[in-house]
Amino acid sequence: MAHKKGQGSVRNGRDSQAKRRGLKAYGGQAVTVGSIIVTQCGTTFSPGRFVRLAKNNSIFAMADGTVYFDQGGKRLNVKPSDPAATTIA
């Protein structure tokens, strides 16, 4: 009998960790300044009003308010809860 395992088990024994990408806040949910709304690979969702695109293509809120989508669910926006916050964007 062999005392070593075959080559197949050594090559196939690894897998990468899940990145937990996707929506973190859905339409109608309240967000605060700086909270991440979406983590994504590429630009599946594009930023709209009161949100910005990070270096890793995550989208985060620039004002306290409520998340909503437009353009067929592909553009993310935040409707500010405070009217004085409209001077940001």
PDB file of N, CA and C in Angstrom:
ATOM      1  N   MET A   1       0.837  -1.192   0.000  1.00  0.00           N
ATOM      2  CA  MET A   1       0.000   0.000   0.000  1.00  0.00           C
ATOM      3  C   MET A   1       0.871   1.240   0.000  1.00  0.00           C
ATOM      4  N   ALA A   2       0.364   2.243  -0.661  1.00  0.00           N
ATOM      5  CA  ALA A   2       1.101   3.505  -0.714  1.00  0.00           C
ATOM      6  C   ALA A   2       0.938   4.258   0.609  1.00  0.00           C
ATOM      7  N   HIS A   3       1.971   4.986   0.975  1.00  0.00           N
ATOM      8  CA  HIS A   3       1.932   5.758   2.210  1.00  0.00           C
ATOM      9  C   HIS A   3       1.752   7.254   1.953  1.00  0.00           C
ATOM     10  N   LYS A   4       1.576   7.642   0.688  1.00  0.00           N
ATOM     11  CA  LYS A   4       1.343   9.053   0.345  1.00  0.00           C
ATOM     12  C   LYS A   4       0.048   9.155  -0.450  1.00  0.00           C
ATOM     13  N   LYS A   5      -0.613  10.319  -0.283  1.00  0.00           N
ATOM     14  CA  LYS A   5      -1.846  10.528  -1.024  1.00  0.00           C
ATOM     15  C   LYS A   5      -1.542  10.791  -2.494  1.00  0.00           C
ATOM     16  N   GLY A   6      -2.531  10.597  -3.320  1.00  0.00           N
ATOM     17  CA  GLY A   6      -2.378  10.886  -4.735  1.00  0.00           C
ATOM     18  C   GLY A   6      -2.308  12.380  -4.991  1.00  0.00           C
ATOM     19  N   GLN A   7      -1.930  12.754  -6.185  1.00  0.00           N
ATOM     20  CA  GLN A   7      -1.746  14.166  -6.538  1.00  0.00           C
ATOM     21  C   GLN A   7      -3.052  14.947  -6.555  1.00  0.00           C
ATOM     22  N   GLY A   8      -4.173  14.307  -6.827  1.00  0.00           N
ATOM     23  CA  GLY A   8      -5.434  15.026  -6.968  1.00  0.00           C
ATOM     24  C   GLY A   8      -5.873  15.739  -5.709  1.00  0.00           C
ATOM     25  N   SER A   9      -5.718  15.145  -4.575  1.00  0.00           N
ATOM     26  CA  SER A   9      -6.188  15.760  -3.345  1.00  0.00           C
ATOM     27  C   SER A   9      -5.330  16.962  -2.946  1.00  0.00           C
ATOM     28  N   VAL A  10      -4.085  17.004  -3.335  1.00  0.00           N
ATOM     29  CA  VAL A  10      -3.199  18.108  -2.993  1.00  0.00           C
ATOM     30  C   VAL A  10      -3.527  19.328  -3.850  1.00  0.00           C
ATOM     31  N   ARG A  11      -3.808  19.143  -5.120  1.00  0.00           N
ATOM     32  CA  ARG A  11      -4.063  20.267  -6.018  1.00  0.00           C
ATOM     33  C   ARG A  11      -5.448  20.868  -5.817  1.00  0.00           C
ATOM     34  N   ASN A  12      -6.412  20.073  -5.428  1.00  0.00           N
ATOM     35  CA  ASN A  12      -7.789  20.556  -5.399  1.00  0.00           C
ATOM     36  C   ASN A  12      -8.276  20.923  -4.005  1.00  0.00           C
ATOM     37  N   GLY A  13      -7.405  21.026  -3.032  1.00  0.00           N
ATOM     38  CA  GLY A  13      -7.832  21.222  -1.663  1.00  0.00           C
ATOM     39  C   GLY A  13      -8.017  22.657  -1.221  1.00  0.00           C
ATOM     40  N   ARG A  14      -8.017  23.626  -2.140  1.00  0.00           N
ATOM     41  CA  ARG A  14      -8.107  25.031  -1.758  1.00  0.00           C
ATOM     42  C   ARG A  14      -9.314  25.689  -2.412  1.00  0.00           C
ATOM     43  N   ASP A  15      -9.843  26.698  -1.742  1.00  0.00           N
ATOM     44  CA  ASP A  15     -10.925  27.505  -2.303  1.00  0.00           C
ATOM     45  C   ASP A  15     -10.832  28.884  -1.674  1.00  0.00           C
ATOM     46  N   SER A  16     -11.188  29.910  -2.441  1.00  0.00           N
ATOM     47  CA  SER A  16     -11.090  31.274  -1.921  1.00  0.00           C
ATOM     48  C   SER A  16     -12.290  31.593  -1.035  1.00  0.00           C
ATOM     49  N   GLN A  17     -12.081  32.522  -0.124  1.00  0.00           N
ATOM     50  CA  GLN A  17     -13.145  32.961   0.758  1.00  0.00           C
ATOM     51  C   GLN A  17     -14.158  33.802  -0.031  1.00  0.00           C
ATOM     52  N   ALA A  18     -15.416  33.729   0.344  1.00  0.00           N
ATOM     53  CA  ALA A  18     -16.450  34.544  -0.284  1.00  0.00           C
ATOM     54  C   ALA A  18     -16.207  36.012   0.044  1.00  0.00           C
ATOM     55  N   LYS A  19     -16.494  36.907  -0.882  1.00  0.00           N
ATOM     56  CA  LYS A  19     -16.209  38.337  -0.713  1.00  0.00           C
ATOM     57  C   LYS A  19     -17.372  39.117  -0.122  1.00  0.00           C
ATOM     58  N   ARG A  20     -18.529  38.504   0.001  1.00  0.00           N
ATOM     59  CA  ARG A  20     -19.731  39.126   0.580  1.00  0.00           C
ATOM     60  C   ARG A  20     -20.116  40.410  -0.149  1.00  0.00           C
ATOM     61  N   ARG A  21     -20.083  40.340  -1.478  1.00  0.00           N
ATOM     62  CA  ARG A  21     -20.486  41.493  -2.269  1.00  0.00           C
ATOM     63  C   ARG A  21     -21.995  41.527  -2.408  1.00  0.00           C
ATOM     64  N   GLY A  22     -22.509  42.691  -2.817  1.00  0.00           N
ATOM     65  CA  GLY A  22     -23.938  42.825  -3.067  1.00  0.00           C
ATOM     66  C   GLY A  22     -24.535  44.010  -2.339  1.00  0.00           C
ATOM     67  N   LEU A  23     -25.856  44.069  -2.329  1.00  0.00           N
ATOM     68  CA  LEU A  23     -26.569  45.166  -1.682  1.00  0.00           C
ATOM     69  C   LEU A  23     -26.500  45.035  -0.177  1.00  0.00           C
ATOM     70  N   LYS A  24     -26.176  46.124   0.488  1.00  0.00           N
ATOM     71  CA  LYS A  24     -26.141  46.165   1.945  1.00  0.00           C
ATOM     72  C   LYS A  24     -27.332  46.944   2.498  1.00  0.00           C
ATOM     73  N   ALA A  25     -27.881  47.856   1.716  1.00  0.00           N
ATOM     74  CA  ALA A  25     -29.085  48.602   2.092  1.00  0.00           C
ATOM     75  C   ALA A  25     -30.011  48.595   0.881  1.00  0.00           C
ATOM     76  N   TYR A  26     -31.249  48.231   1.080  1.00  0.00           N
ATOM     77  CA  TYR A  26     -32.210  48.091  -0.006  1.00  0.00           C
ATOM     78  C   TYR A  26     -33.043  49.359  -0.153  1.00  0.00           C
ATOM     79  N   GLY A  27     -33.825  49.433  -1.213  1.00  0.00           N
ATOM     80  CA  GLY A  27     -34.688  50.574  -1.464  1.00  0.00           C
ATOM     81  C   GLY A  27     -35.669  50.795  -0.327  1.00  0.00           C
ATOM     82  N   GLY A  28     -35.760  52.030   0.143  1.00  0.00           N
ATOM     83  CA  GLY A  28     -36.657  52.360   1.232  1.00  0.00           C
ATOM     84  C   GLY A  28     -36.011  52.300   2.602  1.00  0.00           C
ATOM     85  N   GLN A  29     -34.798  51.776   2.701  1.00  0.00           N
ATOM     86  CA  GLN A  29     -34.118  51.699   3.990  1.00  0.00           C
ATOM     87  C   GLN A  29     -33.374  52.991   4.282  1.00  0.00           C
ATOM     88  N   ALA A  30     -33.289  53.315   5.567  1.00  0.00           N
ATOM     89  CA  ALA A  30     -32.578  54.517   6.005  1.00  0.00           C
ATOM     90  C   ALA A  30     -31.080  54.239   6.088  1.00  0.00           C
ATOM     91  N   VAL A  31     -30.272  55.206   5.661  1.00  0.00           N
ATOM     92  CA  VAL A  31     -28.814  55.109   5.741  1.00  0.00           C
ATOM     93  C   VAL A  31     -28.266  56.379   6.389  1.00  0.00           C
ATOM     94  N   THR A  32     -27.055  56.273   6.923  1.00  0.00           N
ATOM     95  CA  THR A  32     -26.368  57.424   7.495  1.00  0.00           C
ATOM     96  C   THR A  32     -25.190  57.799   6.612  1.00  0.00           C
ATOM     97  N   VAL A  33     -24.582  58.933   6.883  1.00  0.00           N
ATOM     98  CA  VAL A  33     -23.442  59.406   6.094  1.00  0.00           C
ATOM     99  C   VAL A  33     -22.306  58.398   6.193  1.00  0.00           C
ATOM    100  N   GLY A  34     -21.751  58.016   5.050  1.00  0.00           N
ATOM    101  CA  GLY A  34     -20.614  57.107   5.010  1.00  0.00           C
ATOM    102  C   GLY A  34     -20.972  55.633   5.015  1.00  0.00           C
ATOM    103  N   SER A  35     -22.229  55.290   5.190  1.00  0.00           N
ATOM    104  CA  SER A  35     -22.584  53.865   5.214  1.00  0.00           C
ATOM    105  C   SER A  35     -22.572  53.305   3.801  1.00  0.00           C
ATOM    106  N   ILE A  36     -22.065  52.083   3.675  1.00  0.00           N
ATOM    107  CA  ILE A  36     -21.940  51.424   2.380  1.00  0.00           C
ATOM    108  C   ILE A  36     -23.309  50.885   1.968  1.00  0.00           C
ATOM    109  N   ILE A  37     -23.692  51.187   0.735  1.00  0.00           N
ATOM    110  CA  ILE A  37     -24.970  50.723   0.209  1.00  0.00           C
ATOM    111  C   ILE A  37     -24.761  49.471  -0.636  1.00  0.00           C
ATOM    112  N   VAL A  38     -23.700  49.445  -1.457  1.00  0.00           N
ATOM    113  CA  VAL A  38     -23.421  48.303  -2.332  1.00  0.00           C
ATOM    114  C   VAL A  38     -21.920  48.059  -2.367  1.00  0.00           C
ATOM    115  N   THR A  39     -21.510  46.797  -2.287  1.00  0.00           N
ATOM    116  CA  THR A  39     -20.149  46.408  -2.639  1.00  0.00           C
ATOM    117  C   THR A  39     -20.260  45.604  -3.917  1.00  0.00           C
ATOM    118  N   GLN A  40     -19.438  45.943  -4.919  1.00  0.00           N
ATOM    119  CA  GLN A  40     -19.601  45.332  -6.229  1.00  0.00           C
ATOM    120  C   GLN A  40     -18.264  45.177  -6.922  1.00  0.00           C
ATOM    121  N   CYS A  41     -18.247  44.301  -7.902  1.00  0.00           N
ATOM    122  CA  CYS A  41     -17.102  44.080  -8.778  1.00  0.00           C
ATOM    123  C   CYS A  41     -17.441  44.779 -10.092  1.00  0.00           C
ATOM    124  N   GLY A  42     -16.748  45.856 -10.425  1.00  0.00           N
ATOM    125  CA  GLY A  42     -17.139  46.656 -11.572  1.00  0.00           C
ATOM    126  C   GLY A  42     -18.250  47.603 -11.173  1.00  0.00           C
ATOM    127  N   THR A  43     -18.915  48.189 -12.163  1.00  0.00           N
ATOM    128  CA  THR A  43     -19.972  49.143 -11.860  1.00  0.00           C
ATOM    129  C   THR A  43     -21.319  48.591 -12.317  1.00  0.00           C
ATOM    130  N   THR A  44     -21.814  47.593 -11.618  1.00  0.00           N
ATOM    131  CA  THR A  44     -23.152  47.069 -11.884  1.00  0.00           C
ATOM    132  C   THR A  44     -24.186  48.130 -11.562  1.00  0.00           C
ATOM    133  N   PHE A  45     -24.010  48.803 -10.436  1.00  0.00           N
ATOM    134  CA  PHE A  45     -24.862  49.921 -10.042  1.00  0.00           C
ATOM    135  C   PHE A  45     -24.046  51.196 -10.190  1.00  0.00           C
ATOM    136  N   SER A  46     -24.701  52.257 -10.641  1.00  0.00           N
ATOM    137  CA  SER A  46     -23.997  53.531 -10.784  1.00  0.00           C
ATOM    138  C   SER A  46     -24.475  54.504  -9.713  1.00  0.00           C
ATOM    139  N   PRO A  47     -23.617  55.445  -9.311  1.00  0.00           N
ATOM    140  CA  PRO A  47     -24.014  56.397  -8.271  1.00  0.00           C
ATOM    141  C   PRO A  47     -24.914  57.489  -8.824  1.00  0.00           C
ATOM    142  N   GLY A  48     -25.856  57.908  -8.007  1.00  0.00           N
ATOM    143  CA  GLY A  48     -26.766  58.999  -8.357  1.00  0.00           C
ATOM    144  C   GLY A  48     -26.584  60.157  -7.397  1.00  0.00           C
ATOM    145  N   ARG A  49     -27.704  60.707  -6.914  1.00  0.00           N
ATOM    146  CA  ARG A  49     -27.650  61.867  -6.029  1.00  0.00           C
ATOM    147  C   ARG A  49     -27.324  61.444  -4.602  1.00  0.00           C
ATOM    148  N   PHE A  50     -26.415  62.195  -3.978  1.00  0.00           N
ATOM    149  CA  PHE A  50     -26.010  62.025  -2.582  1.00  0.00           C
ATOM    150  C   PHE A  50     -25.352  60.678  -2.300  1.00  0.00           C
ATOM    151  N   VAL A  51     -24.746  60.072  -3.313  1.00  0.00           N
ATOM    152  CA  VAL A  51     -23.920  58.873  -3.127  1.00  0.00           C
ATOM    153  C   VAL A  51     -22.648  59.053  -3.947  1.00  0.00           C
ATOM    154  N   ARG A  52     -21.597  58.354  -3.561  1.00  0.00           N
ATOM    155  CA  ARG A  52     -20.320  58.420  -4.266  1.00  0.00           C
ATOM    156  C   ARG A  52     -19.800  57.015  -4.521  1.00  0.00           C
ATOM    157  N   LEU A  53     -18.878  56.914  -5.491  1.00  0.00           N
ATOM    158  CA  LEU A  53     -18.243  55.658  -5.861  1.00  0.00           C
ATOM    159  C   LEU A  53     -16.858  55.614  -5.226  1.00  0.00           C
ATOM    160  N   ALA A  54     -16.564  54.570  -4.461  1.00  0.00           N
ATOM    161  CA  ALA A  54     -15.265  54.420  -3.815  1.00  0.00           C
ATOM    162  C   ALA A  54     -14.251  53.831  -4.806  1.00  0.00           C
ATOM    163  N   LYS A  55     -12.989  53.741  -4.395  1.00  0.00           N
ATOM    164  CA  LYS A  55     -11.942  53.204  -5.258  1.00  0.00           C
ATOM    165  C   LYS A  55     -12.187  51.752  -5.650  1.00  0.00           C
ATOM    166  N   ASN A  56     -12.809  50.992  -4.751  1.00  0.00           N
ATOM    167  CA  ASN A  56     -13.088  49.583  -5.048  1.00  0.00           C
ATOM    168  C   ASN A  56     -14.488  49.398  -5.619  1.00  0.00           C
ATOM    169  N   ASN A  57     -15.082  50.465  -6.161  1.00  0.00           N
ATOM    170  CA  ASN A  57     -16.405  50.482  -6.797  1.00  0.00           C
ATOM    171  C   ASN A  57     -17.555  50.272  -5.827  1.00  0.00           C
ATOM    172  N   SER A  58     -17.310  50.365  -4.523  1.00  0.00           N
ATOM    173  CA  SER A  58     -18.414  50.362  -3.565  1.00  0.00           C
ATOM    174  C   SER A  58     -19.135  51.693  -3.657  1.00  0.00           C
ATOM    175  N   ILE A  59     -20.417  51.682  -3.359  1.00  0.00           N
ATOM    176  CA  ILE A  59     -21.205  52.912  -3.353  1.00  0.00           C
ATOM    177  C   ILE A  59     -21.597  53.213  -1.913  1.00  0.00           C
ATOM    178  N   PHE A  60     -21.342  54.456  -1.476  1.00  0.00           N
ATOM    179  CA  PHE A  60     -21.628  54.836  -0.101  1.00  0.00           C
ATOM    180  C   PHE A  60     -22.407  56.142  -0.064  1.00  0.00           C
ATOM    181  N   ALA A  61     -23.104  56.366   1.044  1.00  0.00           N
ATOM    182  CA  ALA A  61     -23.993  57.522   1.184  1.00  0.00           C
ATOM    183  C   ALA A  61     -23.209  58.765   1.586  1.00  0.00           C
ATOM    184  N   MET A  62     -23.625  59.908   1.048  1.00  0.00           N
ATOM    185  CA  MET A  62     -23.030  61.196   1.396  1.00  0.00           C
ATOM    186  C   MET A  62     -23.956  62.037   2.262  1.00  0.00           C
ATOM    187  N   ALA A  63     -25.150  61.535   2.556  1.00  0.00           N
ATOM    188  CA  ALA A  63     -26.115  62.259   3.387  1.00  0.00           C
ATOM    189  C   ALA A  63     -26.989  61.239   4.108  1.00  0.00           C
ATOM    190  N   ASP A  64     -27.510  61.630   5.259  1.00  0.00           N
ATOM    191  CA  ASP A  64     -28.494  60.798   5.948  1.00  0.00           C
ATOM    192  C   ASP A  64     -29.788  60.836   5.144  1.00  0.00           C
ATOM    193  N   GLY A  65     -30.417  59.677   4.989  1.00  0.00           N
ATOM    194  CA  GLY A  65     -31.670  59.667   4.249  1.00  0.00           C
ATOM    195  C   GLY A  65     -32.118  58.264   3.906  1.00  0.00           C
ATOM    196  N   THR A  66     -32.887  58.161   2.831  1.00  0.00           N
ATOM    197  CA  THR A  66     -33.495  56.913   2.401  1.00  0.00           C
ATOM    198  C   THR A  66     -32.970  56.526   1.028  1.00  0.00           C
ATOM    199  N   VAL A  67     -32.649  55.251   0.849  1.00  0.00           N
ATOM    200  CA  VAL A  67     -32.141  54.743  -0.422  1.00  0.00           C
ATOM    201  C   VAL A  67     -33.298  54.561  -1.400  1.00  0.00           C
ATOM    202  N   TYR A  68     -33.089  54.973  -2.654  1.00  0.00           N
ATOM    203  CA  TYR A  68     -34.052  54.636  -3.707  1.00  0.00           C
ATOM    204  C   TYR A  68     -33.315  54.445  -5.021  1.00  0.00           C
ATOM    205  N   PHE A  69     -33.930  53.669  -5.913  1.00  0.00           N
ATOM    206  CA  PHE A  69     -33.346  53.317  -7.199  1.00  0.00           C
ATOM    207  C   PHE A  69     -34.097  54.037  -8.309  1.00  0.00           C
ATOM    208  N   ASP A  70     -33.398  54.310  -9.414  1.00  0.00           N
ATOM    209  CA  ASP A  70     -34.059  54.776 -10.629  1.00  0.00           C
ATOM    210  C   ASP A  70     -33.303  54.222 -11.824  1.00  0.00           C
ATOM    211  N   GLN A  71     -33.741  54.576 -13.030  1.00  0.00           N
ATOM    212  CA  GLN A  71     -33.206  54.058 -14.292  1.00  0.00           C
ATOM    213  C   GLN A  71     -33.240  52.533 -14.330  1.00  0.00           C
ATOM    214  N   GLY A  72     -34.381  51.975 -14.047  1.00  0.00           N
ATOM    215  CA  GLY A  72     -34.542  50.531 -14.132  1.00  0.00           C
ATOM    216  C   GLY A  72     -33.831  49.773 -13.032  1.00  0.00           C
ATOM    217  N   GLY A  73     -33.600  50.421 -11.890  1.00  0.00           N
ATOM    218  CA  GLY A  73     -32.947  49.753 -10.778  1.00  0.00           C
ATOM    219  C   GLY A  73     -31.439  49.693 -10.876  1.00  0.00           C
ATOM    220  N   LYS A  74     -30.841  50.498 -11.755  1.00  0.00           N
ATOM    221  CA  LYS A  74     -29.393  50.460 -11.935  1.00  0.00           C
ATOM    222  C   LYS A  74     -28.665  51.661 -11.337  1.00  0.00           C
ATOM    223  N   ARG A  75     -29.389  52.712 -10.955  1.00  0.00           N
ATOM    224  CA  ARG A  75     -28.740  53.873 -10.350  1.00  0.00           C
ATOM    225  C   ARG A  75     -29.265  54.066  -8.941  1.00  0.00           C
ATOM    226  N   LEU A  76     -28.322  54.215  -8.005  1.00  0.00           N
ATOM    227  CA  LEU A  76     -28.646  54.374  -6.591  1.00  0.00           C
ATOM    228  C   LEU A  76     -28.650  55.843  -6.205  1.00  0.00           C
ATOM    229  N   ASN A  77     -29.629  56.234  -5.403  1.00  0.00           N
ATOM    230  CA  ASN A  77     -29.742  57.593  -4.901  1.00  0.00           C
ATOM    231  C   ASN A  77     -30.084  57.539  -3.424  1.00  0.00           C
ATOM    232  N   VAL A  78     -29.853  58.660  -2.756  1.00  0.00           N
ATOM    233  CA  VAL A  78     -30.292  58.815  -1.374  1.00  0.00           C
ATOM    234  C   VAL A  78     -31.137  60.068  -1.308  1.00  0.00           C
ATOM    235  N   LYS A  79     -32.347  59.939  -0.784  1.00  0.00           N
ATOM    236  CA  LYS A  79     -33.206  61.096  -0.564  1.00  0.00           C
ATOM    237  C   LYS A  79     -32.918  61.611   0.833  1.00  0.00           C
ATOM    238  N   PRO A  80     -32.316  62.806   0.957  1.00  0.00           N
ATOM    239  CA  PRO A  80     -31.901  63.307   2.274  1.00  0.00           C
ATOM    240  C   PRO A  80     -33.091  63.517   3.206  1.00  0.00           C
ATOM    241  N   SER A  81     -32.887  63.187   4.467  1.00  0.00           N
ATOM    242  CA  SER A  81     -33.918  63.422   5.469  1.00  0.00           C
ATOM    243  C   SER A  81     -33.879  64.868   5.961  1.00  0.00           C
ATOM    244  N   ASP A  82     -32.721  65.529   5.792  1.00  0.00           N
ATOM    245  CA  ASP A  82     -32.554  66.918   6.214  1.00  0.00           C
ATOM    246  C   ASP A  82     -32.437  67.799   4.976  1.00  0.00           C
ATOM    247  N   PRO A  83     -33.321  68.765   4.749  1.00  0.00           N
ATOM    248  CA  PRO A  83     -33.249  69.610   3.563  1.00  0.00           C
ATOM    249  C   PRO A  83     -31.973  70.444   3.491  1.00  0.00           C
ATOM    250  N   ALA A  84     -31.337  70.722   4.622  1.00  0.00           N
ATOM    251  CA  ALA A  84     -30.097  71.515   4.604  1.00  0.00           C
ATOM    252  C   ALA A  84     -28.932  70.732   4.024  1.00  0.00           C
ATOM    253  N   ALA A  85     -29.060  69.427   3.889  1.00  0.00           N
ATOM    254  CA  ALA A  85     -27.983  68.594   3.363  1.00  0.00           C
ATOM    255  C   ALA A  85     -27.892  68.649   1.852  1.00  0.00           C
ATOM    256  N   THR A  86     -28.798  69.351   1.192  1.00  0.00           N
ATOM    257  CA  THR A  86     -28.804  69.389  -0.277  1.00  0.00           C
ATOM    258  C   THR A  86     -27.662  70.206  -0.847  1.00  0.00           C
ATOM    259  N   THR A  87     -26.868  70.854  -0.040  1.00  0.00           N
ATOM    260  CA  THR A  87     -25.726  71.618  -0.549  1.00  0.00           C
ATOM    261  C   THR A  87     -24.518  70.734  -0.781  1.00  0.00           C
ATOM    262  N   ILE A  88     -24.580  69.441  -0.427  1.00  0.00           N
ATOM    263  CA  ILE A  88     -23.431  68.539  -0.599  1.00  0.00           C
ATOM    264  C   ILE A  88     -23.195  68.220  -2.050  1.00  0.00           C
ATOM    265  N   ALA A  89     -24.245  67.816  -2.768  1.00  0.00           N
ATOM    266  CA  ALA A  89     -24.036  67.346  -4.142  1.00  0.00           C
ATOM    267  C   ALA A  89     -24.554  68.289  -5.175  1.00  0.00           C
TER     268      ALA A  89
END
